[in-house]
Each structure stands twice: as C-alpha cells, then as structure tokens.
Protein backbone atom coordinates (compact mmCIF):
# COMPACT_ATOMS: atom_id res chain seq x y z
CA MET A 1 0.00 0.00 0.00
CA ILE A 2 1.07 3.59 -0.70
CA LEU A 3 -0.17 6.03 1.94
CA THR A 4 -0.59 9.69 0.96
CA VAL A 5 -1.16 12.51 3.45
CA CYS A 6 -2.91 15.64 2.14
CA MET A 7 -2.47 18.69 4.34
CA SER A 8 -4.38 21.25 2.27
CA PRO A 9 -7.08 19.97 -0.13
CA SER A 10 -8.53 22.32 -2.72
CA VAL A 11 -11.24 22.61 -5.32
CA ASP A 12 -9.37 23.50 -8.51
CA VAL A 13 -11.39 25.42 -11.07
CA THR A 14 -9.52 25.12 -14.39
CA ILE A 15 -10.56 27.70 -16.97
CA GLU A 16 -9.45 27.70 -20.62
CA LEU A 17 -9.30 31.07 -22.39
CA ASP A 18 -8.09 32.33 -25.74
CA SER A 19 -6.00 34.82 -23.79
CA LEU A 20 -6.00 36.29 -20.29
CA ASN A 21 -6.60 40.04 -20.50
CA VAL A 22 -6.06 41.72 -17.15
CA GLY A 23 -8.58 44.45 -16.39
CA LYS A 24 -10.89 43.38 -19.22
CA VAL A 25 -13.77 40.97 -19.73
CA ASN A 26 -12.58 37.41 -20.51
CA THR A 27 -14.70 34.73 -22.18
CA VAL A 28 -14.35 31.15 -20.96
CA ARG A 29 -13.88 28.47 -23.65
CA SER A 30 -14.17 25.57 -21.22
CA LYS A 31 -14.21 24.98 -17.48
CA SER A 32 -13.70 21.98 -15.24
CA LEU A 33 -13.67 21.30 -11.50
CA SER A 34 -11.21 18.96 -9.80
CA PHE A 35 -11.33 17.89 -6.17
CA THR A 36 -7.67 17.89 -5.48
CA GLY A 37 -4.67 18.44 -3.24
CA LYS A 38 -1.11 17.35 -3.99
CA ALA A 39 -1.20 14.11 -2.02
CA LEU A 40 -4.72 13.28 -3.27
CA ASN A 41 -3.44 13.70 -6.83
CA VAL A 42 -0.62 11.31 -5.97
CA ALA A 43 -3.09 8.75 -4.64
CA ILE A 44 -5.13 8.93 -7.84
CA GLY A 45 -1.99 8.50 -9.96
CA VAL A 46 -0.96 5.48 -7.89
CA ALA A 47 -4.40 3.92 -8.37
CA ARG A 48 -4.29 4.53 -12.13
CA LEU A 49 -1.00 2.64 -12.25
CA GLY A 50 -2.76 -0.32 -10.65
CA ALA A 51 -1.27 -0.06 -7.16
CA GLU A 52 -3.16 0.24 -3.87
CA ALA A 53 -3.48 3.81 -2.61
CA TYR A 54 -4.79 5.04 0.74
CA ALA A 55 -5.38 8.76 1.31
CA THR A 56 -5.61 10.61 4.58
CA GLY A 57 -5.10 14.15 5.83
CA PHE A 58 -7.38 17.08 6.62
CA MET A 59 -10.85 17.56 5.15
CA TYR A 60 -13.64 20.10 5.70
CA ASN A 61 -17.32 19.58 6.47
CA GLU A 62 -19.04 21.91 4.00
CA ASN A 63 -17.82 20.38 0.72
CA GLY A 64 -15.57 17.46 1.66
CA GLN A 65 -18.07 14.83 0.53
CA MET A 66 -17.31 15.78 -3.08
CA PHE A 67 -13.71 14.69 -2.50
CA GLU A 68 -14.87 11.35 -1.15
CA ARG A 69 -16.99 10.74 -4.24
CA ALA A 70 -14.07 11.68 -6.53
CA LEU A 71 -11.72 9.29 -4.72
CA ASP A 72 -14.35 6.54 -4.78
CA ARG A 73 -14.54 6.83 -8.56
CA GLU A 74 -10.76 6.36 -8.78
CA GLY A 75 -10.68 3.36 -6.45
CA VAL A 76 -8.74 5.19 -3.72
CA HIS A 77 -9.47 4.26 -0.09
CA PHE A 78 -9.50 7.12 2.41
CA THR A 79 -10.02 8.25 5.99
CA PHE A 80 -9.80 11.95 6.85
CA VAL A 81 -9.55 14.16 9.91
CA TRP A 82 -12.63 16.38 9.55
CA ASN A 83 -12.71 20.10 10.35
CA ASN A 84 -15.27 22.88 10.37
CA GLY A 85 -15.40 25.15 7.33
CA ARG A 86 -15.00 24.78 3.60
CA VAL A 87 -12.23 23.46 1.35
CA ARG A 88 -10.40 26.33 -0.37
CA GLU A 89 -10.89 27.07 -4.07
CA ASN A 90 -8.03 27.69 -6.52
CA TYR A 91 -8.43 29.11 -10.02
CA LYS A 92 -6.14 28.03 -12.87
CA CYS A 93 -6.43 30.00 -16.11
CA ILE A 94 -4.87 28.49 -19.22
CA ASP A 95 -4.61 30.43 -22.48
CA LYS A 96 -4.14 29.08 -26.00
CA ARG A 97 -0.33 29.21 -25.58
CA SER A 98 -0.69 26.82 -22.61
CA MET A 99 0.39 29.65 -20.33
CA LEU A 100 -0.87 28.93 -16.79
CA THR A 101 -1.97 31.70 -14.40
CA GLU A 102 -2.91 30.52 -10.90
CA ILE A 103 -4.97 32.26 -8.20
CA ASN A 104 -4.69 30.22 -5.01
CA ASP A 105 -6.90 30.59 -1.95
CA THR A 106 -5.52 30.15 1.57
CA GLY A 107 -6.30 26.98 3.48
CA GLY A 108 -8.75 26.75 6.37
CA GLN A 109 -7.76 26.61 10.00
CA VAL A 110 -7.23 23.40 11.94
CA GLU A 111 -7.60 23.16 15.72
CA GLY A 112 -4.71 21.79 17.81
CA GLU A 113 -6.47 18.54 18.70
CA LYS A 114 -6.96 17.83 14.99
CA LEU A 115 -3.20 18.08 14.43
CA ILE A 116 -2.70 15.44 17.10
CA GLU A 117 -5.48 13.29 15.62
CA LEU A 118 -3.76 13.22 12.23
CA LEU A 119 -0.47 12.11 13.80
CA HIS A 120 -2.31 9.26 15.52
CA MET A 121 -3.93 8.33 12.21
CA ILE A 122 -0.54 8.17 10.45
CA ARG A 123 0.85 5.99 13.25
CA SER A 124 -2.15 3.69 12.79
CA PHE A 125 -2.06 3.43 8.97
CA SER A 126 1.66 3.59 8.12
CA PRO A 127 2.63 0.13 9.49
CA ARG A 128 0.60 -1.27 6.55
CA ALA A 129 2.25 1.05 4.01
CA ASP A 130 5.32 0.32 1.92
CA VAL A 131 5.64 4.01 0.97
CA ALA A 132 4.33 7.18 2.66
CA VAL A 133 3.96 10.43 0.69
CA ILE A 134 3.43 13.78 2.43
CA SER A 135 3.16 16.83 0.22
CA GLY A 136 1.88 20.34 -0.21
CA GLY A 137 1.31 23.32 2.04
CA LEU A 138 -0.12 23.46 5.54
CA PRO A 139 -3.41 24.80 6.91
CA ARG A 140 -3.38 28.43 7.92
CA GLY A 141 -1.55 29.04 11.18
CA VAL A 142 0.16 25.63 11.41
CA ASP A 143 3.90 25.87 12.08
CA ASP A 144 6.28 24.58 9.40
CA GLY A 145 7.80 22.27 12.01
CA TYR A 146 4.64 20.15 11.86
CA TYR A 147 6.20 18.48 8.82
CA ARG A 148 8.86 17.07 11.16
CA ASP A 149 6.15 15.64 13.40
CA LEU A 150 4.35 14.11 10.43
CA PHE A 151 7.38 12.18 9.21
CA ARG A 152 8.31 11.09 12.72
CA ALA A 153 4.82 9.57 12.96
CA VAL A 154 5.46 7.37 9.89
CA ASP A 155 6.36 3.77 10.71
CA PRO A 156 10.14 3.25 10.37
CA HIS A 157 9.81 0.44 7.83
CA ALA A 158 7.96 2.61 5.26
CA LEU A 159 9.85 4.52 2.58
CA ARG A 160 9.21 8.27 2.82
CA ILE A 161 8.64 10.80 0.05
CA VAL A 162 8.23 14.55 0.61
CA ASP A 163 7.10 17.14 -1.92
CA THR A 164 7.12 20.61 -0.39
CA GLU A 165 9.56 23.50 -0.12
CA GLY A 166 11.28 25.98 2.18
CA GLU A 167 11.14 25.56 5.93
CA ARG A 168 8.54 22.80 5.63
CA LEU A 169 11.03 20.77 3.61
CA PHE A 170 13.87 21.43 6.03
CA ALA A 171 11.65 20.29 8.90
CA ALA A 172 10.81 17.05 7.05
CA LEU A 173 14.49 16.40 6.36
CA GLU A 174 15.22 16.53 10.09
CA ALA A 175 13.08 13.41 10.42
CA GLY A 176 14.81 11.71 7.46
CA VAL A 177 13.24 11.03 4.06
CA ASP A 178 14.04 8.64 1.23
CA LEU A 179 13.07 10.89 -1.69
CA VAL A 180 12.56 14.64 -2.13
CA LYS A 181 10.77 15.79 -5.30
CA PRO A 182 11.16 19.54 -5.91
CA ASN A 183 10.86 21.29 -9.22
CA LEU A 184 13.60 23.73 -10.14
CA GLU A 185 11.80 26.83 -8.86
CA GLU A 186 11.03 25.14 -5.54
CA LEU A 187 14.64 24.05 -5.13
CA GLU A 188 15.88 27.56 -5.88
CA ASN A 189 13.42 29.06 -3.41
CA THR A 190 14.43 26.56 -0.76
CA ILE A 191 18.19 27.02 -0.96
CA GLY A 192 17.99 30.72 -1.81
CA ARG A 193 19.85 30.99 -5.12
CA LYS A 194 19.42 30.54 -8.87
CA LEU A 195 20.62 27.30 -10.44
CA ARG A 196 21.46 27.77 -14.10
CA SER A 197 23.76 24.91 -15.11
CA ARG A 198 23.34 21.19 -14.59
CA SER A 199 26.30 21.17 -12.20
CA GLU A 200 24.65 23.93 -10.16
CA MET A 201 21.40 21.95 -10.08
CA LEU A 202 23.24 18.89 -8.81
CA SER A 203 24.95 21.02 -6.20
CA GLY A 204 21.54 22.25 -5.04
CA CYS A 205 20.26 18.67 -4.84
CA HIS A 206 23.31 17.69 -2.80
CA GLU A 207 22.45 20.37 -0.25
CA LEU A 208 19.20 18.52 0.41
CA LEU A 209 21.12 15.24 0.64
CA ASP A 210 23.42 16.82 3.22
CA ARG A 211 20.36 17.79 5.27
CA GLY A 212 18.97 14.26 5.45
CA ALA A 213 17.46 13.21 2.11
CA LYS A 214 18.61 9.86 0.72
CA SER A 215 17.80 10.87 -2.88
CA VAL A 216 16.46 13.86 -4.79
CA LEU A 217 14.28 13.78 -7.91
CA LEU A 218 14.49 17.23 -9.49
CA SER A 219 11.79 18.05 -12.05
CA LEU A 220 12.89 20.29 -14.92
CA GLY A 221 9.49 20.57 -16.59
CA GLN A 222 9.56 19.97 -20.34
CA ASN A 223 13.32 19.38 -20.09
CA GLY A 224 12.86 16.18 -18.10
CA ALA A 225 14.36 15.49 -14.68
CA ILE A 226 17.48 14.63 -12.70
CA ILE A 227 17.82 12.10 -9.89
CA THR A 228 20.75 11.74 -7.50
CA ASP A 229 21.67 9.96 -4.30
CA GLY A 230 25.00 11.78 -3.99
CA THR A 231 26.91 8.93 -5.60
CA LYS A 232 24.98 8.24 -8.79
CA ASN A 233 23.50 11.06 -10.90
CA TYR A 234 21.11 10.43 -13.80
CA TYR A 235 19.25 12.57 -16.33
CA CYS A 236 16.17 11.74 -18.40
CA LYS A 237 14.97 14.04 -21.16
CA SER A 238 11.25 14.19 -21.81
CA ILE A 239 9.76 13.68 -25.25
CA ASN A 240 7.86 16.34 -27.18
CA VAL A 241 4.12 16.19 -26.59
CA ALA A 242 1.21 18.59 -27.04
CA VAL A 243 0.98 20.42 -23.71
CA ASN A 244 -2.61 21.00 -22.64
CA SER A 245 -2.00 21.76 -18.97
CA THR A 246 0.84 21.46 -16.47
CA VAL A 247 -1.61 21.07 -13.57
CA GLY A 248 -0.79 17.95 -11.54
CA ALA A 249 2.34 17.02 -13.51
CA GLY A 250 4.57 17.07 -10.44
CA ASP A 251 2.10 14.95 -8.49
CA ALA A 252 1.98 12.43 -11.33
CA MET A 253 5.77 12.23 -11.16
CA VAL A 254 5.59 11.52 -7.43
CA ALA A 255 2.92 8.84 -7.97
CA ALA A 256 5.06 6.97 -10.49
CA ALA A 257 8.18 7.33 -8.34
CA ALA A 258 6.32 5.97 -5.30
CA ASN A 259 5.01 3.05 -7.35
CA MET A 260 8.53 2.17 -8.52
CA MET A 261 10.00 2.55 -5.04
CA GLN A 262 7.38 0.15 -3.73
CA GLN A 263 8.64 -2.36 -6.29
CA GLY A 264 12.26 -1.88 -5.18
CA ALA A 265 13.32 -0.19 -8.44
CA ASP A 266 16.70 1.50 -8.85
CA LEU A 267 17.26 5.22 -9.38
CA LYS A 268 17.20 4.98 -13.18
CA ASP A 269 13.80 3.29 -13.28
CA ILE A 270 12.36 5.68 -10.69
CA LEU A 271 13.53 8.60 -12.82
CA ARG A 272 12.23 7.21 -16.10
CA ALA A 273 8.83 6.38 -14.62
CA GLY A 274 8.56 9.81 -13.02
CA VAL A 275 9.30 11.61 -16.28
CA ALA A 276 6.84 9.39 -18.16
CA ALA A 277 4.01 10.12 -15.72
CA GLY A 278 4.73 13.84 -15.58
CA THR A 279 4.81 14.02 -19.37
CA ALA A 280 1.59 12.01 -19.68
CA ALA A 281 -0.13 14.37 -17.25
CA VAL A 282 0.55 17.50 -19.32
CA THR A 283 -1.24 16.03 -22.34
CA THR A 284 -4.60 16.29 -20.54
CA PHE A 285 -6.73 19.37 -19.89
CA GLY A 286 -8.90 19.80 -16.83
CA THR A 287 -7.82 16.59 -15.12
CA ILE A 288 -5.37 16.07 -12.26
CA SER A 289 -3.78 12.84 -13.37
CA PHE A 290 -2.86 10.78 -16.42
CA ALA A 291 -4.02 7.80 -18.42
CA LYS A 292 -2.04 4.63 -17.79
CA GLU A 293 -1.96 3.86 -21.52
CA LYS A 294 -0.36 7.24 -22.28
CA TYR A 295 2.13 6.74 -19.46
CA GLU A 296 3.18 3.34 -20.84
CA GLU A 297 3.47 4.70 -24.38
CA ILE A 298 5.79 7.50 -23.25
CA LEU A 299 7.77 5.23 -20.93
CA THR A 300 8.92 3.04 -23.81
CA ASN A 301 10.40 6.07 -25.59
CA LEU A 302 12.49 7.46 -22.73
CA THR A 303 16.18 6.86 -22.12
CA VAL A 304 18.29 7.63 -19.04
CA SER A 305 21.91 8.76 -19.11
CA GLU A 306 24.42 9.02 -16.29
CA ILE A 307 25.83 12.48 -15.58
C-alpha cells in the first residue's frame, strides 16, 4: 500500500481562455472542476497505475463529501480528519499558448487537537504502508515544524517521500526522508539561489542530501528530470508532446516514483517512470492525473543517461 497525506485539499477550477486580459472581460472556452490536493493527486496516480493507494489528511465539512466521491470513482481508499469550514478554491487560467496563471486561496484553520489526531492516524495506517507520501502546504496558522512531526509519525519500515519546499522541507528532512521531489523553482526558493547549469542543479540537490534526504528527484518541466543519491547522478529528457495543462504534472511524477519505489526499483527506473508520468499528465486538460496507456506509451520512448 502507498499512503498519501494531504495537508491542504482544494477545489481546482480550471478555466481555458483564448487569452487572459487583465482588467478586461474574458470569455471562458471551457471549465472543469477537480477535487484535489497534492497528495490526493498522488493517490489517484498510484491507483491509475494499478497499485493500492490510501489517502488521509485534513478535510472540511461543507464540501468534503465531493472529494470522497471523486476518490471513490478512482478506487482510492481514504479516511480523513474532519474540520469545520470549507475546502479552499483555486483558479487556474490556461490560455491558447498553454500559459498557466494561478490564483490560489488560503487553506482553512485546523484546531490543535486535529493536528494530534492526524499524527495518531498516520501511526495507525503507516505500518501497513510500503511508501508514505506527504506533500503540499499546511493549513493556515500551522507551524512549518509540523512536517517534522508528520514524518516522525510514519512507521520506520515505510519509505518516505516529501514534496514541499522551504522551511517545511527542512523540517521534514530533520526526520529523514528517502526521496525529495522539488521542481527547479522550488529548489531555488528553498536554498535561496538561482541554479542555471546542470552542475549547479546537482549542487543544489546535494544540499538537500546533506540535510537528510537519501535521494532527490528534481523536475525540470519539459526538459525532463534529474535524480541523484549523492553517488549516482542520472538525467532523463522528456519527449515532445502537445501540452494542454501542467496542472498535476509534479504529483503524477511523485505517484510513479512511489510506485517504482514500492517495487524496489533503482534510481534509473524511478527517474524514467517519473518523467513518463509527468509528461503524460501535461497532455490532458482539466484533469489532475494521467491515463495509464499514455504513461506506458511514453515510458517506452524514454532513455536515461548518467551524468
């Protein structure tokens, strides 16, 4: 089983426009709603790959049932810590050039006893998990150090994946993680400098290794990804596809990486699977995951080189 922990669910309203004209009236070409959150997206990706996914985390009373129905349709099992209020809504505007503009709401508040309840839930579920994924932001007012508590609550036998940035990431690394999955912007924001060359990117990844990560999977968007454990460094270039939306691509990458880690795959196979899933995800519009058939088609056309 792959356990995913969603700290900040959201209703994503994806809007397609010919162009986004600030200060003017814009006409919507198409619109879709997704009941999402980084770790929930990961769980859906895991399920689409045919593995068992279990989702937990925080949920909110006013509209949380829609998330349960969405996860039911995908075959994802779940148990949430419920809170008063409403799940936040994010707006993602995509123009005909596939340029993405995001307007993100802030998460709801969570009472102190609910934070403790989630830690107990992780301690209860994680002994049955081969891999635990914790990703995304935190509810409003929750200290970044809570990420340390979350990973310390994971059973020691489970492999651990984190996908967040900044002080939240540093807190998680204090507890020890097996894989960190930043994109380039997140890595730059976390370590506080620009990374322009491949050697600089590797150096940035190694800073995370020095802080407690066992490996780092660095997403480079349409340019593919890098993976390193400090000893072995690999690069996989993506293939050219029609980009419909980049929404959920990073979460798809995490889902495939988690699936391969559960199978005991090596770094090269984890990297190749992650790039395939991330690439498959960008070919879809208005959805938060990928089709397994598209993933498998792309996977067969990817090669990995050592750097």
